[in-house]
C-alpha cells in the first residue's frame, strides 16, 4: 500500500510539472472590428490599415494589413495580419492621412 501511495504522489507531481509547461496558443484568424475614418495605404502587395473609429464609439490605433497578392477564398476569410504590437507609440486617432516614403518606399508616415 505504501508503494502504491508513493507512485500516486510521483505521478501527481509529474502531471503537475507537465501541466505547468503546457502553453495555450491562439489559432484563430485575426478579424478586425468594423471601423470608419481609418487610413489605408498600399505598400507592395499589402494594404496597411491604421486607426479609425469603431462601432463602440472609440478612436483606435489598431494596425493591421491585408495581403492582396493572392486571390481571396470566401470560405477561409480574408488574410488579415495583426500588427498592433507595432502601433503602441501611435496615438488613437481618426480622419488622419498616411503616406508612403523613405529611401526604399517602405515607410508609412501618419499625418
PDB file of N, CA and C in Angstrom:
ATOM      1  N   UNK A   1       0.820  -1.196   0.000  1.00  0.00           N
ATOM      2  CA  UNK A   1       0.000   0.000   0.000  1.00  0.00           C
ATOM      3  C   UNK A   1       0.864   1.261   0.000  1.00  0.00           C
ATOM      4  N   UNK A   2       1.964   1.219   0.756  1.00  0.00           N
ATOM      5  CA  UNK A   2       2.846   2.385   0.808  1.00  0.00           C
ATOM      6  C   UNK A   2       3.463   2.659  -0.554  1.00  0.00           C
ATOM      7  N   UNK A   3       3.866   1.622  -1.243  1.00  0.00           N
ATOM      8  CA  UNK A   3       4.449   1.775  -2.572  1.00  0.00           C
ATOM      9  C   UNK A   3       3.434   2.385  -3.530  1.00  0.00           C
ATOM     10  N   UNK A   4       2.188   1.938  -3.427  1.00  0.00           N
ATOM     11  CA  UNK A   4       1.128   2.474  -4.280  1.00  0.00           C
ATOM     12  C   UNK A   4       0.921   3.965  -4.015  1.00  0.00           C
ATOM     13  N   UNK A   5       0.898   4.379  -2.768  1.00  0.00           N
ATOM     14  CA  UNK A   5       0.730   5.793  -2.412  1.00  0.00           C
ATOM     15  C   UNK A   5       1.898   6.632  -2.925  1.00  0.00           C
ATOM     16  N   UNK A   6       3.110   6.090  -2.837  1.00  0.00           N
ATOM     17  CA  UNK A   6       4.271   6.811  -3.354  1.00  0.00           C
ATOM     18  C   UNK A   6       4.177   6.978  -4.867  1.00  0.00           C
ATOM     19  N   UNK A   7       3.746   5.928  -5.561  1.00  0.00           N
ATOM     20  CA  UNK A   7       3.589   6.014  -7.012  1.00  0.00           C
ATOM     21  C   UNK A   7       2.532   7.048  -7.394  1.00  0.00           C
ATOM     22  N   UNK A   8       1.447   7.086  -6.664  1.00  0.00           N
ATOM     23  CA  UNK A   8       0.384   8.070  -6.928  1.00  0.00           C
ATOM     24  C   UNK A   8       0.917   9.482  -6.729  1.00  0.00           C
ATOM     25  N   UNK A   9       1.677   9.702  -5.672  1.00  0.00           N
ATOM     26  CA  UNK A   9       2.253  11.030  -5.420  1.00  0.00           C
ATOM     27  C   UNK A   9       3.239  11.423  -6.522  1.00  0.00           C
ATOM     28  N   UNK A  10       4.069  10.480  -6.933  1.00  0.00           N
ATOM     29  CA  UNK A  10       5.035  10.759  -8.002  1.00  0.00           C
ATOM     30  C   UNK A  10       4.312  11.081  -9.299  1.00  0.00           C
ATOM     31  N   UNK A  11       3.288  10.313  -9.626  1.00  0.00           N
ATOM     32  CA  UNK A  11       2.504  10.592 -10.832  1.00  0.00           C
ATOM     33  C   UNK A  11       1.822  11.955 -10.740  1.00  0.00           C
ATOM     34  N   UNK A  12       1.332  12.302  -9.568  1.00  0.00           N
ATOM     35  CA  UNK A  12       0.713  13.615  -9.370  1.00  0.00           C
ATOM     36  C   UNK A  12       1.702  14.743  -9.598  1.00  0.00           C
ATOM     37  N   UNK A  13       2.910  14.579  -9.099  1.00  0.00           N
ATOM     38  CA  UNK A  13       3.948  15.595  -9.292  1.00  0.00           C
ATOM     39  C   UNK A  13       4.307  15.708 -10.772  1.00  0.00           C
ATOM     40  N   UNK A  14       4.443  14.572 -11.442  1.00  0.00           N
ATOM     41  CA  UNK A  14       4.762  14.590 -12.875  1.00  0.00           C
ATOM     42  C   UNK A  14       3.659  15.293 -13.657  1.00  0.00           C
ATOM     43  N   UNK A  15       2.410  14.992 -13.354  1.00  0.00           N
ATOM     44  CA  UNK A  15       1.292  15.653 -14.043  1.00  0.00           C
ATOM     45  C   UNK A  15       1.283  17.156 -13.783  1.00  0.00           C
ATOM     46  N   UNK A  16       1.598  17.556 -12.562  1.00  0.00           N
ATOM     47  CA  UNK A  16       1.667  18.997 -12.258  1.00  0.00           C
ATOM     48  C   UNK A  16       2.763  19.669 -13.075  1.00  0.00           C
ATOM     49  N   UNK A  17       3.915  19.033 -13.175  1.00  0.00           N
ATOM     50  CA  UNK A  17       5.012  19.604 -13.957  1.00  0.00           C
ATOM     51  C   UNK A  17       4.661  19.686 -15.438  1.00  0.00           C
ATOM     52  N   UNK A  18       4.024  18.654 -15.962  1.00  0.00           N
ATOM     53  CA  UNK A  18       3.630  18.666 -17.374  1.00  0.00           C
ATOM     54  C   UNK A  18       2.601  19.752 -17.629  1.00  0.00           C
ATOM     55  N   UNK A  19       1.598  19.854 -16.776  1.00  0.00           N
ATOM     56  CA  UNK A  19       0.548  20.856 -16.996  1.00  0.00           C
ATOM     57  C   UNK A  19       1.093  22.272 -16.823  1.00  0.00           C
ATOM     58  N   UNK A  20       2.136  22.443 -16.029  1.00  0.00           N
ATOM     59  CA  UNK A  20       2.748  23.749 -15.852  1.00  0.00           C
ATOM     60  C   UNK A  20       3.421  24.220 -17.138  1.00  0.00           C
ATOM     61  N   UNK A  21       3.912  23.295 -17.948  1.00  0.00           N
ATOM     62  CA  UNK A  21       4.650  23.639 -19.160  1.00  0.00           C
ATOM     63  C   UNK A  21       3.795  23.672 -20.418  1.00  0.00           C
ATOM     64  N   UNK A  22       2.505  23.425 -20.295  1.00  0.00           N
ATOM     65  CA  UNK A  22       1.623  23.477 -21.461  1.00  0.00           C
ATOM     66  C   UNK A  22       1.242  24.926 -21.714  1.00  0.00           C
ATOM     67  N   UNK A  23       1.462  25.401 -22.936  1.00  0.00           N
ATOM     68  CA  UNK A  23       1.108  26.761 -23.323  1.00  0.00           C
ATOM     69  C   UNK A  23      -0.116  26.733 -24.218  1.00  0.00           C
ATOM     70  N   UNK A  24      -0.978  27.716 -24.047  1.00  0.00           N
ATOM     71  CA  UNK A  24      -2.152  27.833 -24.898  1.00  0.00           C
ATOM     72  C   UNK A  24      -1.791  28.728 -26.074  1.00  0.00           C
ATOM     73  N   UNK A  25      -2.068  28.272 -27.283  1.00  0.00           N
ATOM     74  CA  UNK A  25      -1.771  29.028 -28.493  1.00  0.00           C
ATOM     75  C   UNK A  25      -3.087  29.417 -29.151  1.00  0.00           C
ATOM     76  N   UNK A  26      -3.240  30.706 -29.445  1.00  0.00           N
ATOM     77  CA  UNK A  26      -4.445  31.187 -30.113  1.00  0.00           C
ATOM     78  C   UNK A  26      -4.296  30.941 -31.610  1.00  0.00           C
ATOM     79  N   UNK A  27      -5.115  30.060 -32.144  1.00  0.00           N
ATOM     80  CA  UNK A  27      -5.030  29.696 -33.566  1.00  0.00           C
ATOM     81  C   UNK A  27      -6.155  30.312 -34.383  1.00  0.00           C
ATOM     82  N   UNK A  28      -6.899  31.225 -33.800  1.00  0.00           N
ATOM     83  CA  UNK A  28      -7.995  31.840 -34.538  1.00  0.00           C
ATOM     84  C   UNK A  28      -7.459  32.918 -35.463  1.00  0.00           C
ATOM     85  N   UNK A  29      -8.122  33.053 -36.597  1.00  0.00           N
ATOM     86  CA  UNK A  29      -7.730  34.058 -37.580  1.00  0.00           C
ATOM     87  C   UNK A  29      -8.058  35.452 -37.049  1.00  0.00           C
ATOM     88  N   UNK A  30      -7.170  36.411 -37.307  1.00  0.00           N
ATOM     89  CA  UNK A  30      -7.403  37.793 -36.896  1.00  0.00           C
ATOM     90  C   UNK A  30      -8.467  38.411 -37.791  1.00  0.00           C
ATOM     91  N   UNK A  31      -9.500  38.963 -37.169  1.00  0.00           N
ATOM     92  CA  UNK A  31     -10.562  39.666 -37.893  1.00  0.00           C
ATOM     93  C   UNK A  31     -10.726  41.030 -37.224  1.00  0.00           C
ATOM     94  N   UNK A  32     -10.396  42.113 -37.924  1.00  0.00           N
ATOM     95  CA  UNK A  32     -10.505  43.442 -37.310  1.00  0.00           C
ATOM     96  C   UNK A  32     -11.958  43.856 -37.105  1.00  0.00           C
ATOM     97  N   UNK A  33     -12.168  44.762 -36.142  1.00  0.00           N
ATOM     98  CA  UNK A  33     -13.502  45.311 -35.905  1.00  0.00           C
ATOM     99  C   UNK A  33     -13.899  46.217 -37.062  1.00  0.00           C
ATOM    100  N   UNK A  34     -15.213  46.370 -37.240  1.00  0.00           N
ATOM    101  CA  UNK A  34     -15.688  47.328 -38.241  1.00  0.00           C
ATOM    102  C   UNK A  34     -15.241  48.717 -37.817  1.00  0.00           C
ATOM    103  N   UNK A  35     -14.937  49.557 -38.806  1.00  0.00           N
ATOM    104  CA  UNK A  35     -14.443  50.889 -38.484  1.00  0.00           C
ATOM    105  C   UNK A  35     -14.726  51.850 -39.624  1.00  0.00           C
ATOM    106  N   UNK A  36     -14.564  53.116 -39.329  1.00  0.00           N
ATOM    107  CA  UNK A  36     -14.662  54.170 -40.343  1.00  0.00           C
ATOM    108  C   UNK A  36     -13.582  55.198 -40.044  1.00  0.00           C
ATOM    109  N   UNK A  37     -13.326  56.084 -41.002  1.00  0.00           N
ATOM    110  CA  UNK A  37     -12.348  57.170 -40.849  1.00  0.00           C
ATOM    111  C   UNK A  37     -10.933  56.664 -40.559  1.00  0.00           C
ATOM    112  N   UNK A  38     -10.581  55.496 -41.082  1.00  0.00           N
ATOM    113  CA  UNK A  38      -9.243  54.930 -40.918  1.00  0.00           C
ATOM    114  C   UNK A  38      -8.388  55.294 -42.128  1.00  0.00           C
ATOM    115  N   UNK A  39      -7.112  54.991 -42.051  1.00  0.00           N
ATOM    116  CA  UNK A  39      -6.238  55.173 -43.210  1.00  0.00           C
ATOM    117  C   UNK A  39      -5.996  53.810 -43.848  1.00  0.00           C
ATOM    118  N   UNK A  40      -5.744  53.813 -45.142  1.00  0.00           N
ATOM    119  CA  UNK A  40      -5.405  52.592 -45.881  1.00  0.00           C
ATOM    120  C   UNK A  40      -4.302  52.957 -46.867  1.00  0.00           C
ATOM    121  N   UNK A  41      -3.180  52.273 -46.777  1.00  0.00           N
ATOM    122  CA  UNK A  41      -2.012  52.595 -47.592  1.00  0.00           C
ATOM    123  C   UNK A  41      -1.487  51.332 -48.260  1.00  0.00           C
ATOM    124  N   UNK A  42      -1.321  51.387 -49.573  1.00  0.00           N
ATOM    125  CA  UNK A  42      -0.790  50.248 -50.317  1.00  0.00           C
ATOM    126  C   UNK A  42       0.732  50.341 -50.377  1.00  0.00           C
ATOM    127  N   UNK A  43       1.403  49.308 -49.860  1.00  0.00           N
ATOM    128  CA  UNK A  43       2.860  49.197 -49.931  1.00  0.00           C
ATOM    129  C   UNK A  43       3.158  47.813 -50.500  1.00  0.00           C
ATOM    130  N   UNK A  44       3.674  47.777 -51.704  1.00  0.00           N
ATOM    131  CA  UNK A  44       3.921  46.487 -52.351  1.00  0.00           C
ATOM    132  C   UNK A  44       2.610  45.763 -52.612  1.00  0.00           C
ATOM    133  N   UNK A  45       2.483  44.569 -52.071  1.00  0.00           N
ATOM    134  CA  UNK A  45       1.273  43.759 -52.237  1.00  0.00           C
ATOM    135  C   UNK A  45       0.391  43.753 -50.997  1.00  0.00           C
ATOM    136  N   UNK A  46       0.612  44.693 -50.093  1.00  0.00           N
ATOM    137  CA  UNK A  46      -0.165  44.720 -48.854  1.00  0.00           C
ATOM    138  C   UNK A  46      -0.809  46.082 -48.657  1.00  0.00           C
ATOM    139  N   UNK A  47      -2.044  46.051 -48.153  1.00  0.00           N
ATOM    140  CA  UNK A  47      -2.729  47.277 -47.753  1.00  0.00           C
ATOM    141  C   UNK A  47      -2.610  47.370 -46.237  1.00  0.00           C
ATOM    142  N   UNK A  48      -2.066  48.482 -45.757  1.00  0.00           N
ATOM    143  CA  UNK A  48      -1.903  48.704 -44.323  1.00  0.00           C
ATOM    144  C   UNK A  48      -3.020  49.614 -43.837  1.00  0.00           C
ATOM    145  N   UNK A  49      -3.732  49.183 -42.795  1.00  0.00           N
ATOM    146  CA  UNK A  49      -4.821  49.947 -42.200  1.00  0.00           C
ATOM    147  C   UNK A  49      -4.373  50.446 -40.833  1.00  0.00           C
ATOM    148  N   UNK A  50      -4.702  51.700 -40.532  1.00  0.00           N
ATOM    149  CA  UNK A  50      -4.275  52.285 -39.266  1.00  0.00           C
ATOM    150  C   UNK A  50      -5.378  53.162 -38.704  1.00  0.00           C
ATOM    151  N   UNK A  51      -5.662  52.976 -37.411  1.00  0.00           N
ATOM    152  CA  UNK A  51      -6.587  53.842 -36.695  1.00  0.00           C
ATOM    153  C   UNK A  51      -8.026  53.712 -37.114  1.00  0.00           C
ATOM    154  N   UNK A  52      -8.762  54.792 -36.859  1.00  0.00           N
ATOM    155  CA  UNK A  52     -10.165  54.836 -37.234  1.00  0.00           C
ATOM    156  C   UNK A  52     -11.083  54.969 -36.037  1.00  0.00           C
ATOM    157  N   UNK A  53     -12.359  54.836 -36.330  1.00  0.00           N
ATOM    158  CA  UNK A  53     -13.422  54.972 -35.338  1.00  0.00           C
ATOM    159  C   UNK A  53     -14.241  53.692 -35.382  1.00  0.00           C
ATOM    160  N   UNK A  54     -14.397  52.997 -34.255  1.00  0.00           N
ATOM    161  CA  UNK A  54     -15.104  51.717 -34.230  1.00  0.00           C
ATOM    162  C   UNK A  54     -16.556  51.903 -33.829  1.00  0.00           C
ATOM    163  N   UNK A  55     -17.318  50.826 -33.924  1.00  0.00           N
ATOM    164  CA  UNK A  55     -18.734  50.851 -33.537  1.00  0.00           C
ATOM    165  C   UNK A  55     -18.930  51.155 -32.060  1.00  0.00           C
ATOM    166  N   UNK A  56     -17.903  50.971 -31.285  1.00  0.00           N
ATOM    167  CA  UNK A  56     -18.006  51.178 -29.848  1.00  0.00           C
ATOM    168  C   UNK A  56     -17.715  52.622 -29.459  1.00  0.00           C
ATOM    169  N   UNK A  57     -17.866  53.544 -30.411  1.00  0.00           N
ATOM    170  CA  UNK A  57     -17.625  54.977 -30.174  1.00  0.00           C
ATOM    171  C   UNK A  57     -16.236  55.189 -29.575  1.00  0.00           C
ATOM    172  N   UNK A  58     -15.266  54.594 -30.205  1.00  0.00           N
ATOM    173  CA  UNK A  58     -13.910  54.652 -29.680  1.00  0.00           C
ATOM    174  C   UNK A  58     -12.928  54.916 -30.815  1.00  0.00           C
ATOM    175  N   UNK A  59     -12.037  55.875 -30.598  1.00  0.00           N
ATOM    176  CA  UNK A  59     -10.920  56.060 -31.520  1.00  0.00           C
ATOM    177  C   UNK A  59      -9.920  54.938 -31.259  1.00  0.00           C
ATOM    178  N   UNK A  60      -9.191  54.559 -32.274  1.00  0.00           N
ATOM    179  CA  UNK A  60      -8.290  53.426 -32.124  1.00  0.00           C
ATOM    180  C   UNK A  60      -6.955  53.687 -32.818  1.00  0.00           C
ATOM    181  N   UNK A  61      -5.949  52.964 -32.392  1.00  0.00           N
ATOM    182  CA  UNK A  61      -4.660  52.977 -33.086  1.00  0.00           C
ATOM    183  C   UNK A  61      -4.356  51.589 -33.638  1.00  0.00           C
ATOM    184  N   UNK A  62      -5.416  50.813 -33.905  1.00  0.00           N
ATOM    185  CA  UNK A  62      -5.244  49.472 -34.474  1.00  0.00           C
ATOM    186  C   UNK A  62      -4.405  49.539 -35.745  1.00  0.00           C
ATOM    187  N   UNK A  63      -3.575  48.546 -35.939  1.00  0.00           N
ATOM    188  CA  UNK A  63      -2.702  48.491 -37.107  1.00  0.00           C
ATOM    189  C   UNK A  63      -2.729  47.063 -37.635  1.00  0.00           C
ATOM    190  N   UNK A  64      -3.155  46.894 -38.875  1.00  0.00           N
ATOM    191  CA  UNK A  64      -3.212  45.562 -39.472  1.00  0.00           C
ATOM    192  C   UNK A  64      -3.039  45.679 -40.973  1.00  0.00           C
ATOM    193  N   UNK A  65      -2.781  44.553 -41.609  1.00  0.00           N
ATOM    194  CA  UNK A  65      -2.523  44.540 -43.041  1.00  0.00           C
ATOM    195  C   UNK A  65      -3.359  43.466 -43.722  1.00  0.00           C
ATOM    196  N   UNK A  66      -3.595  43.668 -44.996  1.00  0.00           N
ATOM    197  CA  UNK A  66      -4.306  42.705 -45.835  1.00  0.00           C
ATOM    198  C   UNK A  66      -3.430  42.408 -47.042  1.00  0.00           C
ATOM    199  N   UNK A  67      -3.053  41.154 -47.205  1.00  0.00           N
ATOM    200  CA  UNK A  67      -2.208  40.742 -48.332  1.00  0.00           C
ATOM    201  C   UNK A  67      -3.084  40.561 -49.566  1.00  0.00           C
ATOM    202  N   UNK A  68      -2.834  41.369 -50.602  1.00  0.00           N
ATOM    203  CA  UNK A  68      -3.643  41.305 -51.824  1.00  0.00           C
ATOM    204  C   UNK A  68      -2.881  40.631 -52.969  1.00  0.00           C
ATOM    205  N   UNK A  69      -1.794  39.928 -52.655  1.00  0.00           N
ATOM    206  CA  UNK A  69      -1.012  39.267 -53.704  1.00  0.00           C
ATOM    207  C   UNK A  69      -1.654  37.969 -54.174  1.00  0.00           C
ATOM    208  N   UNK A  70      -2.567  37.425 -53.368  1.00  0.00           N
ATOM    209  CA  UNK A  70      -3.228  36.165 -53.712  1.00  0.00           C
ATOM    210  C   UNK A  70      -4.728  36.389 -53.818  1.00  0.00           C
ATOM    211  N   UNK A  71      -5.393  35.510 -54.548  1.00  0.00           N
ATOM    212  CA  UNK A  71      -6.854  35.568 -54.644  1.00  0.00           C
ATOM    213  C   UNK A  71      -7.465  35.229 -53.291  1.00  0.00           C
ATOM    214  N   UNK A  72      -8.613  35.828 -52.999  1.00  0.00           N
ATOM    215  CA  UNK A  72      -9.300  35.573 -51.737  1.00  0.00           C
ATOM    216  C   UNK A  72     -10.222  34.373 -51.883  1.00  0.00           C
ATOM    217  N   UNK A  73     -10.299  33.576 -50.833  1.00  0.00           N
ATOM    218  CA  UNK A  73     -11.214  32.449 -50.777  1.00  0.00           C
ATOM    219  C   UNK A  73     -12.261  32.772 -49.723  1.00  0.00           C
ATOM    220  N   UNK A  74     -13.527  32.890 -50.120  1.00  0.00           N
ATOM    221  CA  UNK A  74     -14.578  33.305 -49.189  1.00  0.00           C
ATOM    222  C   UNK A  74     -14.745  32.341 -48.025  1.00  0.00           C
ATOM    223  N   UNK A  75     -14.489  31.076 -48.231  1.00  0.00           N
ATOM    224  CA  UNK A  75     -14.674  30.111 -47.147  1.00  0.00           C
ATOM    225  C   UNK A  75     -13.587  30.221 -46.080  1.00  0.00           C
ATOM    226  N   UNK A  76     -12.439  30.787 -46.430  1.00  0.00           N
ATOM    227  CA  UNK A  76     -11.342  30.906 -45.466  1.00  0.00           C
ATOM    228  C   UNK A  76     -11.244  32.281 -44.831  1.00  0.00           C
ATOM    229  N   UNK A  77     -11.943  33.262 -45.330  1.00  0.00           N
ATOM    230  CA  UNK A  77     -11.843  34.614 -44.797  1.00  0.00           C
ATOM    231  C   UNK A  77     -10.677  35.365 -45.411  1.00  0.00           C
ATOM    232  N   UNK A  78     -10.618  36.643 -45.123  1.00  0.00           N
ATOM    233  CA  UNK A  78      -9.556  37.485 -45.675  1.00  0.00           C
ATOM    234  C   UNK A  78      -8.260  37.300 -44.883  1.00  0.00           C
ATOM    235  N   UNK A  79      -7.115  37.346 -45.557  1.00  0.00           N
ATOM    236  CA  UNK A  79      -5.834  37.108 -44.880  1.00  0.00           C
ATOM    237  C   UNK A  79      -5.291  38.355 -44.175  1.00  0.00           C
ATOM    238  N   UNK A  80      -5.994  38.809 -43.128  1.00  0.00           N
ATOM    239  CA  UNK A  80      -5.515  39.938 -42.333  1.00  0.00           C
ATOM    240  C   UNK A  80      -4.358  39.486 -41.444  1.00  0.00           C
ATOM    241  N   UNK A  81      -3.462  40.410 -41.144  1.00  0.00           N
ATOM    242  CA  UNK A  81      -2.381  40.148 -40.196  1.00  0.00           C
ATOM    243  C   UNK A  81      -2.381  41.252 -39.150  1.00  0.00           C
ATOM    244  N   UNK A  82      -2.460  40.868 -37.899  1.00  0.00           N
ATOM    245  CA  UNK A  82      -2.490  41.817 -36.789  1.00  0.00           C
ATOM    246  C   UNK A  82      -1.091  42.379 -36.556  1.00  0.00           C
ATOM    247  N   UNK A  83      -0.965  43.714 -36.616  1.00  0.00           N
ATOM    248  CA  UNK A  83       0.314  44.386 -36.377  1.00  0.00           C
ATOM    249  C   UNK A  83       0.221  45.357 -35.200  1.00  0.00           C
ATOM    250  N   UNK A  84      -0.732  45.141 -34.303  1.00  0.00           N
ATOM    251  CA  UNK A  84      -0.931  46.061 -33.184  1.00  0.00           C
ATOM    252  C   UNK A  84       0.308  46.211 -32.306  1.00  0.00           C
ATOM    253  N   UNK A  85       1.152  45.213 -32.260  1.00  0.00           N
ATOM    254  CA  UNK A  85       2.370  45.314 -31.454  1.00  0.00           C
ATOM    255  C   UNK A  85       3.308  46.405 -31.985  1.00  0.00           C
ATOM    256  N   UNK A  86       3.103  46.840 -33.231  1.00  0.00           N
ATOM    257  CA  UNK A  86       3.936  47.898 -33.813  1.00  0.00           C
ATOM    258  C   UNK A  86       3.369  49.299 -33.587  1.00  0.00           C
ATOM    259  N   UNK A  87       2.113  49.406 -33.147  1.00  0.00           N
ATOM    260  CA  UNK A  87       1.473  50.723 -33.044  1.00  0.00           C
ATOM    261  C   UNK A  87       1.326  51.207 -31.612  1.00  0.00           C
ATOM    262  N   UNK A  88       2.108  50.684 -30.691  1.00  0.00           N
ATOM    263  CA  UNK A  88       1.954  51.077 -29.294  1.00  0.00           C
ATOM    264  C   UNK A  88       2.289  52.545 -29.060  1.00  0.00           C
ATOM    265  N   UNK A  89       3.153  53.142 -29.861  1.00  0.00           N
ATOM    266  CA  UNK A  89       3.512  54.549 -29.697  1.00  0.00           C
ATOM    267  C   UNK A  89       2.660  55.499 -30.513  1.00  0.00           C
ATOM    268  N   UNK A  90       1.725  54.969 -31.283  1.00  0.00           N
ATOM    269  CA  UNK A  90       0.867  55.803 -32.134  1.00  0.00           C
ATOM    270  C   UNK A  90      -0.380  56.182 -31.343  1.00  0.00           C
ATOM    271  N   UNK A  91      -0.738  57.469 -31.279  1.00  0.00           N
ATOM    272  CA  UNK A  91      -1.939  57.851 -30.531  1.00  0.00           C
ATOM    273  C   UNK A  91      -3.208  57.369 -31.236  1.00  0.00           C
ATOM    274  N   UNK A  92      -4.262  57.158 -30.453  1.00  0.00           N
ATOM    275  CA  UNK A  92      -5.556  56.816 -31.042  1.00  0.00           C
ATOM    276  C   UNK A  92      -6.017  58.001 -31.877  1.00  0.00           C
ATOM    277  N   UNK A  93      -6.594  57.727 -33.053  1.00  0.00           N
ATOM    278  CA  UNK A  93      -6.925  58.825 -33.959  1.00  0.00           C
ATOM    279  C   UNK A  93      -7.965  58.373 -34.981  1.00  0.00           C
ATOM    280  N   UNK A  94      -8.517  59.327 -35.684  1.00  0.00           N
ATOM    281  CA  UNK A  94      -9.337  59.063 -36.867  1.00  0.00           C
ATOM    282  C   UNK A  94      -9.189  60.247 -37.804  1.00  0.00           C
ATOM    283  N   UNK A  95      -9.648  60.094 -39.035  1.00  0.00           N
ATOM    284  CA  UNK A  95      -9.581  61.140 -40.061  1.00  0.00           C
ATOM    285  C   UNK A  95      -8.159  61.652 -40.277  1.00  0.00           C
ATOM    286  N   UNK A  96      -7.214  60.750 -40.218  1.00  0.00           N
ATOM    287  CA  UNK A  96      -5.813  61.111 -40.451  1.00  0.00           C
ATOM    288  C   UNK A  96      -5.443  60.770 -41.891  1.00  0.00           C
ATOM    289  N   UNK A  97      -4.204  61.010 -42.233  1.00  0.00           N
ATOM    290  CA  UNK A  97      -3.686  60.699 -43.559  1.00  0.00           C
ATOM    291  C   UNK A  97      -2.370  59.959 -43.406  1.00  0.00           C
ATOM    292  N   UNK A  98      -2.152  58.968 -44.250  1.00  0.00           N
ATOM    293  CA  UNK A  98      -0.864  58.286 -44.279  1.00  0.00           C
ATOM    294  C   UNK A  98      -0.272  58.402 -45.674  1.00  0.00           C
ATOM    295  N   UNK A  99       1.043  58.346 -45.719  1.00  0.00           N
ATOM    296  CA  UNK A  99       1.751  58.433 -46.989  1.00  0.00           C
ATOM    297  C   UNK A  99       2.951  57.499 -46.940  1.00  0.00           C
ATOM    298  N   UNK A 100       3.324  56.970 -48.089  1.00  0.00           N
ATOM    299  CA  UNK A 100       4.483  56.082 -48.176  1.00  0.00           C
ATOM    300  C   UNK A 100       5.703  56.908 -48.540  1.00  0.00           C
ATOM    301  N   UNK A 101       6.820  56.620 -47.897  1.00  0.00           N
ATOM    302  CA  UNK A 101       8.043  57.349 -48.205  1.00  0.00           C
ATOM    303  C   UNK A 101       9.254  56.562 -47.770  1.00  0.00           C
ATOM    304  N   UNK A 102      10.344  57.270 -47.639  1.00  0.00           N
ATOM    305  CA  UNK A 102      11.599  56.631 -47.279  1.00  0.00           C
ATOM    306  C   UNK A 102      12.382  56.247 -48.514  1.00  0.00           C
ATOM    307  N   UNK A 103      13.630  55.924 -48.309  1.00  0.00           N
ATOM    308  CA  UNK A 103      14.518  55.598 -49.419  1.00  0.00           C
ATOM    309  C   UNK A 103      14.029  54.395 -50.224  1.00  0.00           C
ATOM    310  N   UNK A 104      13.498  53.389 -49.537  1.00  0.00           N
ATOM    311  CA  UNK A 104      13.026  52.176 -50.219  1.00  0.00           C
ATOM    312  C   UNK A 104      11.519  52.175 -50.433  1.00  0.00           C
ATOM    313  N   UNK A 105      10.875  53.283 -50.127  1.00  0.00           N
ATOM    314  CA  UNK A 105       9.406  53.381 -50.233  1.00  0.00           C
ATOM    315  C   UNK A 105       8.722  52.294 -49.399  1.00  0.00           C
ATOM    316  N   UNK A 106       9.252  52.059 -48.195  1.00  0.00           N
ATOM    317  CA  UNK A 106       8.685  51.046 -47.318  1.00  0.00           C
ATOM    318  C   UNK A 106       8.363  51.585 -45.922  1.00  0.00           C
ATOM    319  N   UNK A 107       8.248  52.906 -45.814  1.00  0.00           N
ATOM    320  CA  UNK A 107       7.930  53.553 -44.547  1.00  0.00           C
ATOM    321  C   UNK A 107       6.594  54.263 -44.676  1.00  0.00           C
ATOM    322  N   UNK A 108       5.729  54.092 -43.664  1.00  0.00           N
ATOM    323  CA  UNK A 108       4.421  54.750 -43.664  1.00  0.00           C
ATOM    324  C   UNK A 108       4.480  55.916 -42.687  1.00  0.00           C
ATOM    325  N   UNK A 109       4.126  57.108 -43.171  1.00  0.00           N
ATOM    326  CA  UNK A 109       4.082  58.308 -42.342  1.00  0.00           C
ATOM    327  C   UNK A 109       2.629  58.642 -42.040  1.00  0.00           C
ATOM    328  N   UNK A 110       2.342  58.947 -40.772  1.00  0.00           N
ATOM    329  CA  UNK A 110       0.994  59.304 -40.329  1.00  0.00           C
ATOM    330  C   UNK A 110       0.935  60.801 -40.087  1.00  0.00           C
ATOM    331  N   UNK A 111      -0.056  61.459 -40.703  1.00  0.00           N
ATOM    332  CA  UNK A 111      -0.259  62.900 -40.511  1.00  0.00           C
ATOM    333  C   UNK A 111      -1.617  63.132 -39.899  1.00  0.00           C
TER     334      UNK A 111
END
